[in-house]
């Protein structure tokens, strides 16, 4: 559903991404990992048009992204950014915004839109606080609200930039289960993660970045055995009881 071919991108005259070839698989969880400032977030922003493409080609749903409107792209790709505002709106109102790309003129919600929003709210465990304003919520509750909005968008591709931020361990585990459910529903899930053991545990494929380039793409086992993890992060990892941990 998404493919980047030899893409160069950045902000204004500042080039961040170089020679990016990226095609995450449908029905799989692709984790983007790498040190701070390597271009992980910029890669997601490039896909949805929030960074300047200066070379290469991006395909969304098999079509050149330049030929698609912002609404057409939003119907194909849901994006959960790392930094989010706190508008004066309730949880339900925020989640319903995920339906906006699907609305015809005049922009009025239909029964189907409310039902999809309701299911997303329930999926994230927010139903009891759906009428509360975002400013009243904890950081974790706000994060879950924006994840629910992304789910409500009903797009085949979901991009998440650090989705576990602000979530306690119990809700991180629940979110990982939801991410796996989305992949099982044949969604293409791409998520930026800083927690390497978590990335190793939940991702089918890892994209390892450094200095704006993709250094490696493959399974977590292949990433460790290739030596790229040690090269990029200057750490060692080993498997213990089937899961990767840091080697001290």
Foldseek 3Di string as FASTA:
>chain_A
DKWWAQWWWAADPDTFAGGDTDDFFWLFEEEEEFDPSQCPLVVVCVQLVNIGIPDTFMAFPNHTPVVDDSLVSLLAEQEAHPDDDFDFAFLLVLLLVLCQSVADPPRDDDPVSSVLLCVLCVLLPNVVRRRPGSVPDAPLNNLSSSVSSSSSNVHLEYEEEASCPRPDPVSVVSVLVVQSVSSNVRRRYYYYHHPVQVCLPRGQKYFYGGRNYGPDIGHSVCCQVVCVCCVRVVWHWDDDPRTIDTDD
